[in-house]
Amino acid sequence: MRVPNQKPEQQREQLLREIGQLARRALFGSISETYRTCGTPGCGCHRDGPKHGPHLYVSYRGDQGKTTGYYVAKAIQAEVRANIQAWGQLQDRLRQHS
């Protein structure tokens, strides 16, 4: 974030600090939420009732170019969302730097 009346060297140092902070927590991937039916045959999710969820997953392109992903436990969902957002902010800052 640029501050008015800052010298170019100060702006560059600030940008590099932001890049460093974002890089420490950035998480690459995209988030998807799914709703599922359970294994209990009598559960309402198998009929007209609501499905179970949301279940959060992170998807990304793996080493071989195939899309892969993983389940995100409820306890860390907010942190994972923030870290994926940090990845986008990091990309923005890196474009400013170049």
PDB file of N, CA and C in Angstrom:
ATOM      1  N   MET A   1       0.853  -1.165   0.000  1.00  0.00           N
ATOM      2  CA  MET A   1       0.000   0.000   0.000  1.00  0.00           C
ATOM      3  C   MET A   1       0.900   1.230   0.000  1.00  0.00           C
ATOM      4  N   ARG A   2       0.684   2.092  -0.943  1.00  0.00           N
ATOM      5  CA  ARG A   2       1.517   3.278  -1.053  1.00  0.00           C
ATOM      6  C   ARG A   2       0.999   4.402  -0.179  1.00  0.00           C
ATOM      7  N   VAL A   3       1.936   5.124   0.400  1.00  0.00           N
ATOM      8  CA  VAL A   3       1.613   6.267   1.237  1.00  0.00           C
ATOM      9  C   VAL A   3       1.992   7.517   0.450  1.00  0.00           C
ATOM     10  N   PRO A   4       1.090   8.519   0.356  1.00  0.00           N
ATOM     11  CA  PRO A   4       1.416   9.737  -0.373  1.00  0.00           C
ATOM     12  C   PRO A   4       2.663  10.413   0.222  1.00  0.00           C
ATOM     13  N   ASN A   5       3.418  11.074  -0.611  1.00  0.00           N
ATOM     14  CA  ASN A   5       4.612  11.832  -0.225  1.00  0.00           C
ATOM     15  C   ASN A   5       5.737  10.945   0.305  1.00  0.00           C
ATOM     16  N   GLN A   6       5.723   9.686  -0.036  1.00  0.00           N
ATOM     17  CA  GLN A   6       6.808   8.792   0.357  1.00  0.00           C
ATOM     18  C   GLN A   6       7.837   8.769  -0.770  1.00  0.00           C
ATOM     19  N   LYS A   7       9.082   8.717  -0.407  1.00  0.00           N
ATOM     20  CA  LYS A   7      10.147   8.628  -1.405  1.00  0.00           C
ATOM     21  C   LYS A   7      10.079   7.262  -2.081  1.00  0.00           C
ATOM     22  N   PRO A   8      10.543   7.184  -3.344  1.00  0.00           N
ATOM     23  CA  PRO A   8      10.502   5.898  -4.061  1.00  0.00           C
ATOM     24  C   PRO A   8      11.211   4.768  -3.304  1.00  0.00           C
ATOM     25  N   GLU A   9      12.326   5.066  -2.642  1.00  0.00           N
ATOM     26  CA  GLU A   9      13.032   4.017  -1.890  1.00  0.00           C
ATOM     27  C   GLU A   9      12.166   3.505  -0.736  1.00  0.00           C
ATOM     28  N   GLN A  10      11.466   4.428  -0.073  1.00  0.00           N
ATOM     29  CA  GLN A  10      10.602   4.047   1.037  1.00  0.00           C
ATOM     30  C   GLN A  10       9.413   3.214   0.539  1.00  0.00           C
ATOM     31  N   GLN A  11       8.879   3.623  -0.621  1.00  0.00           N
ATOM     32  CA  GLN A  11       7.769   2.875  -1.203  1.00  0.00           C
ATOM     33  C   GLN A  11       8.213   1.454  -1.537  1.00  0.00           C
ATOM     34  N   ARG A  12       9.407   1.323  -2.099  1.00  0.00           N
ATOM     35  CA  ARG A  12       9.940   0.007  -2.464  1.00  0.00           C
ATOM     36  C   ARG A  12      10.151  -0.837  -1.212  1.00  0.00           C
ATOM     37  N   GLU A  13      10.716  -0.256  -0.167  1.00  0.00           N
ATOM     38  CA  GLU A  13      10.940  -0.994   1.074  1.00  0.00           C
ATOM     39  C   GLU A  13       9.621  -1.444   1.689  1.00  0.00           C
ATOM     40  N   GLN A  14       8.639  -0.570   1.673  1.00  0.00           N
ATOM     41  CA  GLN A  14       7.321  -0.918   2.199  1.00  0.00           C
ATOM     42  C   GLN A  14       6.713  -2.067   1.402  1.00  0.00           C
ATOM     43  N   LEU A  15       6.807  -1.985   0.084  1.00  0.00           N
ATOM     44  CA  LEU A  15       6.268  -3.035  -0.777  1.00  0.00           C
ATOM     45  C   LEU A  15       6.969  -4.362  -0.505  1.00  0.00           C
ATOM     46  N   LEU A  16       8.278  -4.347  -0.348  1.00  0.00           N
ATOM     47  CA  LEU A  16       9.017  -5.576  -0.060  1.00  0.00           C
ATOM     48  C   LEU A  16       8.643  -6.159   1.302  1.00  0.00           C
ATOM     49  N   ARG A  17       8.384  -5.301   2.278  1.00  0.00           N
ATOM     50  CA  ARG A  17       7.922  -5.777   3.594  1.00  0.00           C
ATOM     51  C   ARG A  17       6.569  -6.480   3.463  1.00  0.00           C
ATOM     52  N   GLU A  18       5.674  -5.849   2.706  1.00  0.00           N
ATOM     53  CA  GLU A  18       4.347  -6.447   2.501  1.00  0.00           C
ATOM     54  C   GLU A  18       4.469  -7.787   1.790  1.00  0.00           C
ATOM     55  N   ILE A  19       5.330  -7.859   0.793  1.00  0.00           N
ATOM     56  CA  ILE A  19       5.542  -9.110   0.061  1.00  0.00           C
ATOM     57  C   ILE A  19       6.033 -10.193   1.015  1.00  0.00           C
ATOM     58  N   GLY A  20       6.982  -9.848   1.875  1.00  0.00           N
ATOM     59  CA  GLY A  20       7.504 -10.815   2.836  1.00  0.00           C
ATOM     60  C   GLY A  20       6.441 -11.316   3.800  1.00  0.00           C
ATOM     61  N   GLN A  21       5.613 -10.402   4.301  1.00  0.00           N
ATOM     62  CA  GLN A  21       4.554 -10.785   5.241  1.00  0.00           C
ATOM     63  C   GLN A  21       3.522 -11.686   4.568  1.00  0.00           C
ATOM     64  N   LEU A  22       3.132 -11.327   3.350  1.00  0.00           N
ATOM     65  CA  LEU A  22       2.143 -12.130   2.628  1.00  0.00           C
ATOM     66  C   LEU A  22       2.703 -13.498   2.265  1.00  0.00           C
ATOM     67  N   ALA A  23       3.974 -13.549   1.876  1.00  0.00           N
ATOM     68  CA  ALA A  23       4.588 -14.816   1.462  1.00  0.00           C
ATOM     69  C   ALA A  23       4.631 -15.818   2.607  1.00  0.00           C
ATOM     70  N   ARG A  24       4.764 -15.345   3.826  1.00  0.00           N
ATOM     71  CA  ARG A  24       4.826 -16.253   4.971  1.00  0.00           C
ATOM     72  C   ARG A  24       3.508 -16.970   5.239  1.00  0.00           C
ATOM     73  N   ARG A  25       2.402 -16.398   4.784  1.00  0.00           N
ATOM     74  CA  ARG A  25       1.115 -17.043   5.063  1.00  0.00           C
ATOM     75  C   ARG A  25       0.308 -17.395   3.814  1.00  0.00           C
ATOM     76  N   ALA A  26       0.816 -17.057   2.637  1.00  0.00           N
ATOM     77  CA  ALA A  26       0.080 -17.296   1.393  1.00  0.00           C
ATOM     78  C   ALA A  26      -0.101 -18.791   1.137  1.00  0.00           C
ATOM     79  N   LEU A  27      -1.287 -19.137   0.658  1.00  0.00           N
ATOM     80  CA  LEU A  27      -1.622 -20.517   0.335  1.00  0.00           C
ATOM     81  C   LEU A  27      -2.195 -20.533  -1.066  1.00  0.00           C
ATOM     82  N   PHE A  28      -1.578 -21.323  -1.942  1.00  0.00           N
ATOM     83  CA  PHE A  28      -1.994 -21.404  -3.330  1.00  0.00           C
ATOM     84  C   PHE A  28      -3.154 -22.378  -3.471  1.00  0.00           C
ATOM     85  N   GLY A  29      -4.174 -21.976  -4.178  1.00  0.00           N
ATOM     86  CA  GLY A  29      -5.298 -22.857  -4.457  1.00  0.00           C
ATOM     87  C   GLY A  29      -6.595 -22.081  -4.547  1.00  0.00           C
ATOM     88  N   SER A  30      -7.655 -22.808  -4.815  1.00  0.00           N
ATOM     89  CA  SER A  30      -8.978 -22.195  -4.838  1.00  0.00           C
ATOM     90  C   SER A  30      -9.893 -23.007  -3.921  1.00  0.00           C
ATOM     91  N   ILE A  31     -10.879 -22.343  -3.380  1.00  0.00           N
ATOM     92  CA  ILE A  31     -11.780 -22.944  -2.399  1.00  0.00           C
ATOM     93  C   ILE A  31     -13.085 -23.362  -3.066  1.00  0.00           C
ATOM     94  N   SER A  32     -13.565 -24.534  -2.663  1.00  0.00           N
ATOM     95  CA  SER A  32     -14.904 -24.944  -3.083  1.00  0.00           C
ATOM     96  C   SER A  32     -15.633 -25.514  -1.869  1.00  0.00           C
ATOM     97  N   GLU A  33     -16.923 -25.352  -1.853  1.00  0.00           N
ATOM     98  CA  GLU A  33     -17.766 -25.885  -0.783  1.00  0.00           C
ATOM     99  C   GLU A  33     -18.693 -26.918  -1.392  1.00  0.00           C
ATOM    100  N   THR A  34     -18.811 -28.042  -0.710  1.00  0.00           N
ATOM    101  CA  THR A  34     -19.715 -29.082  -1.188  1.00  0.00           C
ATOM    102  C   THR A  34     -20.721 -29.443  -0.099  1.00  0.00           C
ATOM    103  N   TYR A  35     -21.848 -29.966  -0.526  1.00  0.00           N
ATOM    104  CA  TYR A  35     -22.885 -30.474   0.362  1.00  0.00           C
ATOM    105  C   TYR A  35     -23.111 -31.921  -0.041  1.00  0.00           C
ATOM    106  N   ARG A  36     -23.179 -32.812   0.939  1.00  0.00           N
ATOM    107  CA  ARG A  36     -23.235 -34.236   0.647  1.00  0.00           C
ATOM    108  C   ARG A  36     -24.331 -34.944   1.423  1.00  0.00           C
ATOM    109  N   THR A  37     -24.634 -36.151   0.933  1.00  0.00           N
ATOM    110  CA  THR A  37     -25.513 -37.045   1.676  1.00  0.00           C
ATOM    111  C   THR A  37     -24.643 -37.922   2.571  1.00  0.00           C
ATOM    112  N   CYS A  38     -25.207 -38.362   3.673  1.00  0.00           N
ATOM    113  CA  CYS A  38     -24.448 -39.185   4.625  1.00  0.00           C
ATOM    114  C   CYS A  38     -24.714 -40.666   4.381  1.00  0.00           C
ATOM    115  N   GLY A  39     -24.180 -41.500   5.242  1.00  0.00           N
ATOM    116  CA  GLY A  39     -24.352 -42.938   5.116  1.00  0.00           C
ATOM    117  C   GLY A  39     -25.528 -43.497   5.878  1.00  0.00           C
ATOM    118  N   THR A  40     -26.324 -42.648   6.477  1.00  0.00           N
ATOM    119  CA  THR A  40     -27.481 -43.105   7.238  1.00  0.00           C
ATOM    120  C   THR A  40     -28.711 -43.119   6.324  1.00  0.00           C
ATOM    121  N   PRO A  41     -29.198 -44.311   5.959  1.00  0.00           N
ATOM    122  CA  PRO A  41     -30.303 -44.390   4.988  1.00  0.00           C
ATOM    123  C   PRO A  41     -31.556 -43.606   5.382  1.00  0.00           C
ATOM    124  N   GLY A  42     -31.875 -43.520   6.679  1.00  0.00           N
ATOM    125  CA  GLY A  42     -33.087 -42.829   7.106  1.00  0.00           C
ATOM    126  C   GLY A  42     -32.938 -41.322   7.236  1.00  0.00           C
ATOM    127  N   CYS A  43     -31.758 -40.802   7.006  1.00  0.00           N
ATOM    128  CA  CYS A  43     -31.518 -39.359   7.161  1.00  0.00           C
ATOM    129  C   CYS A  43     -32.267 -38.566   6.088  1.00  0.00           C
ATOM    130  N   GLY A  44     -32.730 -37.395   6.474  1.00  0.00           N
ATOM    131  CA  GLY A  44     -33.459 -36.528   5.550  1.00  0.00           C
ATOM    132  C   GLY A  44     -32.643 -36.065   4.352  1.00  0.00           C
ATOM    133  N   CYS A  45     -31.321 -36.152   4.452  1.00  0.00           N
ATOM    134  CA  CYS A  45     -30.483 -35.699   3.326  1.00  0.00           C
ATOM    135  C   CYS A  45     -30.669 -36.584   2.099  1.00  0.00           C
ATOM    136  N   HIS A  46     -31.211 -37.790   2.289  1.00  0.00           N
ATOM    137  CA  HIS A  46     -31.462 -38.691   1.158  1.00  0.00           C
ATOM    138  C   HIS A  46     -32.806 -38.411   0.500  1.00  0.00           C
ATOM    139  N   ARG A  47     -33.601 -37.597   1.136  1.00  0.00           N
ATOM    140  CA  ARG A  47     -34.914 -37.255   0.583  1.00  0.00           C
ATOM    141  C   ARG A  47     -34.903 -35.757   0.245  1.00  0.00           C
ATOM    142  N   ASP A  48     -35.878 -35.047   0.725  1.00  0.00           N
ATOM    143  CA  ASP A  48     -36.005 -33.623   0.402  1.00  0.00           C
ATOM    144  C   ASP A  48     -35.297 -32.723   1.401  1.00  0.00           C
ATOM    145  N   GLY A  49     -34.680 -33.313   2.419  1.00  0.00           N
ATOM    146  CA  GLY A  49     -34.015 -32.504   3.439  1.00  0.00           C
ATOM    147  C   GLY A  49     -32.706 -31.921   2.940  1.00  0.00           C
ATOM    148  N   PRO A  50     -32.169 -30.995   3.712  1.00  0.00           N
ATOM    149  CA  PRO A  50     -30.901 -30.377   3.291  1.00  0.00           C
ATOM    150  C   PRO A  50     -29.741 -31.372   3.384  1.00  0.00           C
ATOM    151  N   LYS A  51     -28.784 -31.219   2.514  1.00  0.00           N
ATOM    152  CA  LYS A  51     -27.572 -32.033   2.540  1.00  0.00           C
ATOM    153  C   LYS A  51     -26.681 -31.555   3.685  1.00  0.00           C
ATOM    154  N   HIS A  52     -25.687 -32.353   4.025  1.00  0.00           N
ATOM    155  CA  HIS A  52     -24.741 -31.996   5.073  1.00  0.00           C
ATOM    156  C   HIS A  52     -23.633 -31.127   4.485  1.00  0.00           C
ATOM    157  N   GLY A  53     -23.266 -30.107   5.217  1.00  0.00           N
ATOM    158  CA  GLY A  53     -22.200 -29.234   4.737  1.00  0.00           C
ATOM    159  C   GLY A  53     -22.420 -27.833   5.246  1.00  0.00           C
ATOM    160  N   PRO A  54     -21.677 -26.896   4.786  1.00  0.00           N
ATOM    161  CA  PRO A  54     -20.712 -27.067   3.688  1.00  0.00           C
ATOM    162  C   PRO A  54     -19.422 -27.735   4.161  1.00  0.00           C
ATOM    163  N   HIS A  55     -18.848 -28.511   3.251  1.00  0.00           N
ATOM    164  CA  HIS A  55     -17.535 -29.106   3.457  1.00  0.00           C
ATOM    165  C   HIS A  55     -16.582 -28.332   2.557  1.00  0.00           C
ATOM    166  N   LEU A  56     -15.507 -27.841   3.129  1.00  0.00           N
ATOM    167  CA  LEU A  56     -14.577 -26.977   2.404  1.00  0.00           C
ATOM    168  C   LEU A  56     -13.407 -27.795   1.849  1.00  0.00           C
ATOM    169  N   TYR A  57     -13.080 -27.537   0.592  1.00  0.00           N
ATOM    170  CA  TYR A  57     -11.947 -28.183  -0.059  1.00  0.00           C
ATOM    171  C   TYR A  57     -11.082 -27.123  -0.723  1.00  0.00           C
ATOM    172  N   VAL A  58      -9.791 -27.385  -0.779  1.00  0.00           N
ATOM    173  CA  VAL A  58      -8.863 -26.541  -1.518  1.00  0.00           C
ATOM    174  C   VAL A  58      -8.378 -27.350  -2.706  1.00  0.00           C
ATOM    175  N   SER A  59      -8.470 -26.764  -3.893  1.00  0.00           N
ATOM    176  CA  SER A  59      -8.003 -27.408  -5.116  1.00  0.00           C
ATOM    177  C   SER A  59      -6.809 -26.644  -5.656  1.00  0.00           C
ATOM    178  N   TYR A  60      -5.887 -27.375  -6.248  1.00  0.00           N
ATOM    179  CA  TYR A  60      -4.716 -26.763  -6.875  1.00  0.00           C
ATOM    180  C   TYR A  60      -4.172 -27.698  -7.943  1.00  0.00           C
ATOM    181  N   ARG A  61      -3.341 -27.169  -8.812  1.00  0.00           N
ATOM    182  CA  ARG A  61      -2.734 -27.975  -9.863  1.00  0.00           C
ATOM    183  C   ARG A  61      -1.444 -28.574  -9.308  1.00  0.00           C
ATOM    184  N   GLY A  62      -1.369 -29.894  -9.294  1.00  0.00           N
ATOM    185  CA  GLY A  62      -0.230 -30.602  -8.736  1.00  0.00           C
ATOM    186  C   GLY A  62       0.980 -30.618  -9.659  1.00  0.00           C
ATOM    187  N   ASP A  63       2.012 -31.323  -9.239  1.00  0.00           N
ATOM    188  CA  ASP A  63       3.275 -31.387  -9.973  1.00  0.00           C
ATOM    189  C   ASP A  63       3.127 -31.917 -11.393  1.00  0.00           C
ATOM    190  N   GLN A  64       2.262 -32.868 -11.588  1.00  0.00           N
ATOM    191  CA  GLN A  64       2.075 -33.472 -12.906  1.00  0.00           C
ATOM    192  C   GLN A  64       1.040 -32.731 -13.754  1.00  0.00           C
ATOM    193  N   GLY A  65       0.592 -31.583 -13.280  1.00  0.00           N
ATOM    194  CA  GLY A  65      -0.382 -30.794 -14.026  1.00  0.00           C
ATOM    195  C   GLY A  65      -1.819 -31.203 -13.786  1.00  0.00           C
ATOM    196  N   LYS A  66      -2.048 -32.194 -12.937  1.00  0.00           N
ATOM    197  CA  LYS A  66      -3.410 -32.621 -12.632  1.00  0.00           C
ATOM    198  C   LYS A  66      -3.941 -31.838 -11.444  1.00  0.00           C
ATOM    199  N   THR A  67      -5.237 -31.539 -11.508  1.00  0.00           N
ATOM    200  CA  THR A  67      -5.870 -30.851 -10.387  1.00  0.00           C
ATOM    201  C   THR A  67      -6.050 -31.837  -9.242  1.00  0.00           C
ATOM    202  N   THR A  68      -5.665 -31.412  -8.078  1.00  0.00           N
ATOM    203  CA  THR A  68      -5.794 -32.226  -6.877  1.00  0.00           C
ATOM    204  C   THR A  68      -6.286 -31.324  -5.755  1.00  0.00           C
ATOM    205  N   GLY A  69      -6.516 -31.865  -4.593  1.00  0.00           N
ATOM    206  CA  GLY A  69      -6.999 -31.022  -3.511  1.00  0.00           C
ATOM    207  C   GLY A  69      -7.055 -31.772  -2.205  1.00  0.00           C
ATOM    208  N   TYR A  70      -7.584 -31.093  -1.217  1.00  0.00           N
ATOM    209  CA  TYR A  70      -7.689 -31.675   0.107  1.00  0.00           C
ATOM    210  C   TYR A  70      -8.832 -31.034   0.878  1.00  0.00           C
ATOM    211  N   TYR A  71      -9.310 -31.800   1.854  1.00  0.00           N
ATOM    212  CA  TYR A  71     -10.380 -31.358   2.737  1.00  0.00           C
ATOM    213  C   TYR A  71      -9.802 -30.412   3.786  1.00  0.00           C
ATOM    214  N   VAL A  72     -10.580 -29.406   4.164  1.00  0.00           N
ATOM    215  CA  VAL A  72     -10.166 -28.454   5.194  1.00  0.00           C
ATOM    216  C   VAL A  72     -11.082 -28.629   6.406  1.00  0.00           C
ATOM    217  N   ALA A  73     -10.478 -28.954   7.537  1.00  0.00           N
ATOM    218  CA  ALA A  73     -11.252 -29.133   8.769  1.00  0.00           C
ATOM    219  C   ALA A  73     -11.901 -27.817   9.195  1.00  0.00           C
ATOM    220  N   LYS A  74     -13.065 -27.905   9.821  1.00  0.00           N
ATOM    221  CA  LYS A  74     -13.788 -26.701  10.255  1.00  0.00           C
ATOM    222  C   LYS A  74     -12.944 -25.791  11.137  1.00  0.00           C
ATOM    223  N   ALA A  75     -12.104 -26.380  11.970  1.00  0.00           N
ATOM    224  CA  ALA A  75     -11.305 -25.608  12.927  1.00  0.00           C
ATOM    225  C   ALA A  75     -10.340 -24.636  12.249  1.00  0.00           C
ATOM    226  N   ILE A  76      -9.961 -24.909  11.013  1.00  0.00           N
ATOM    227  CA  ILE A  76      -8.981 -24.032  10.340  1.00  0.00           C
ATOM    228  C   ILE A  76      -9.526 -23.377   9.078  1.00  0.00           C
ATOM    229  N   GLN A  77     -10.827 -23.463   8.848  1.00  0.00           N
ATOM    230  CA  GLN A  77     -11.393 -22.915   7.615  1.00  0.00           C
ATOM    231  C   GLN A  77     -11.160 -21.414   7.474  1.00  0.00           C
ATOM    232  N   ALA A  78     -11.339 -20.647   8.522  1.00  0.00           N
ATOM    233  CA  ALA A  78     -11.156 -19.191   8.439  1.00  0.00           C
ATOM    234  C   ALA A  78      -9.703 -18.866   8.099  1.00  0.00           C
ATOM    235  N   GLU A  79      -8.778 -19.569   8.724  1.00  0.00           N
ATOM    236  CA  GLU A  79      -7.357 -19.332   8.455  1.00  0.00           C
ATOM    237  C   GLU A  79      -6.999 -19.696   7.011  1.00  0.00           C
ATOM    238  N   VAL A  80      -7.522 -20.805   6.520  1.00  0.00           N
ATOM    239  CA  VAL A  80      -7.246 -21.223   5.141  1.00  0.00           C
ATOM    240  C   VAL A  80      -7.820 -20.207   4.163  1.00  0.00           C
ATOM    241  N   ARG A  81      -9.021 -19.735   4.400  1.00  0.00           N
ATOM    242  CA  ARG A  81      -9.606 -18.707   3.522  1.00  0.00           C
ATOM    243  C   ARG A  81      -8.732 -17.446   3.495  1.00  0.00           C
ATOM    244  N   ALA A  82      -8.279 -17.018   4.668  1.00  0.00           N
ATOM    245  CA  ALA A  82      -7.428 -15.820   4.746  1.00  0.00           C
ATOM    246  C   ALA A  82      -6.106 -16.040   4.020  1.00  0.00           C
ATOM    247  N   ASN A  83      -5.544 -17.228   4.133  1.00  0.00           N
ATOM    248  CA  ASN A  83      -4.259 -17.500   3.505  1.00  0.00           C
ATOM    249  C   ASN A  83      -4.370 -17.612   1.988  1.00  0.00           C
ATOM    250  N   ILE A  84      -5.492 -18.103   1.502  1.00  0.00           N
ATOM    251  CA  ILE A  84      -5.704 -18.121   0.047  1.00  0.00           C
ATOM    252  C   ILE A  84      -5.910 -16.702  -0.456  1.00  0.00           C
ATOM    253  N   GLN A  85      -6.581 -15.886   0.308  1.00  0.00           N
ATOM    254  CA  GLN A  85      -6.733 -14.470  -0.055  1.00  0.00           C
ATOM    255  C   GLN A  85      -5.368 -13.791  -0.052  1.00  0.00           C
ATOM    256  N   ALA A  86      -4.498 -14.151   0.888  1.00  0.00           N
ATOM    257  CA  ALA A  86      -3.143 -13.588   0.942  1.00  0.00           C
ATOM    258  C   ALA A  86      -2.366 -13.940  -0.315  1.00  0.00           C
ATOM    259  N   TRP A  87      -2.619 -15.118  -0.888  1.00  0.00           N
ATOM    260  CA  TRP A  87      -1.945 -15.500  -2.137  1.00  0.00           C
ATOM    261  C   TRP A  87      -2.293 -14.505  -3.247  1.00  0.00           C
ATOM    262  N   GLY A  88      -3.563 -14.157  -3.363  1.00  0.00           N
ATOM    263  CA  GLY A  88      -3.976 -13.184  -4.381  1.00  0.00           C
ATOM    264  C   GLY A  88      -3.358 -11.816  -4.136  1.00  0.00           C
ATOM    265  N   GLN A  89      -3.309 -11.405  -2.876  1.00  0.00           N
ATOM    266  CA  GLN A  89      -2.683 -10.120  -2.542  1.00  0.00           C
ATOM    267  C   GLN A  89      -1.192 -10.147  -2.842  1.00  0.00           C
ATOM    268  N   LEU A  90      -0.555 -11.270  -2.578  1.00  0.00           N
ATOM    269  CA  LEU A  90       0.867 -11.415  -2.876  1.00  0.00           C
ATOM    270  C   LEU A  90       1.116 -11.259  -4.372  1.00  0.00           C
ATOM    271  N   GLN A  91       0.282 -11.869  -5.179  1.00  0.00           N
ATOM    272  CA  GLN A  91       0.426 -11.749  -6.634  1.00  0.00           C
ATOM    273  C   GLN A  91       0.282 -10.289  -7.081  1.00  0.00           C
ATOM    274  N   ASP A  92      -0.664  -9.569  -6.467  1.00  0.00           N
ATOM    275  CA  ASP A  92      -0.848  -8.150  -6.785  1.00  0.00           C
ATOM    276  C   ASP A  92       0.398  -7.346  -6.437  1.00  0.00           C
ATOM    277  N   ARG A  93       0.965  -7.590  -5.256  1.00  0.00           N
ATOM    278  CA  ARG A  93       2.152  -6.853  -4.824  1.00  0.00           C
ATOM    279  C   ARG A  93       3.358  -7.168  -5.714  1.00  0.00           C
ATOM    280  N   LEU A  94       3.476  -8.422  -6.112  1.00  0.00           N
ATOM    281  CA  LEU A  94       4.593  -8.796  -6.977  1.00  0.00           C
ATOM    282  C   LEU A  94       4.477  -8.117  -8.343  1.00  0.00           C
ATOM    283  N   ARG A  95       3.266  -7.964  -8.837  1.00  0.00           N
ATOM    284  CA  ARG A  95       3.080  -7.232 -10.104  1.00  0.00           C
ATOM    285  C   ARG A  95       3.451  -5.764  -9.935  1.00  0.00           C
ATOM    286  N   GLN A  96       3.168  -5.174  -8.779  1.00  0.00           N
ATOM    287  CA  GLN A  96       3.549  -3.779  -8.518  1.00  0.00           C
ATOM    288  C   GLN A  96       5.057  -3.632  -8.486  1.00  0.00           C
ATOM    289  N   HIS A  97       5.729  -4.652  -7.963  1.00  0.00           N
ATOM    290  CA  HIS A  97       7.183  -4.600  -7.809  1.00  0.00           C
ATOM    291  C   HIS A  97       7.909  -4.704  -9.147  1.00  0.00           C
ATOM    292  N   SER A  98       7.328  -5.438 -10.099  1.00  0.00           N
ATOM    293  CA  SER A  98       8.032  -5.661 -11.377  1.00  0.00           C
ATOM    294  C   SER A  98       7.928  -4.498 -12.312  1.00  0.00           C
TER     295      SER A  98
END
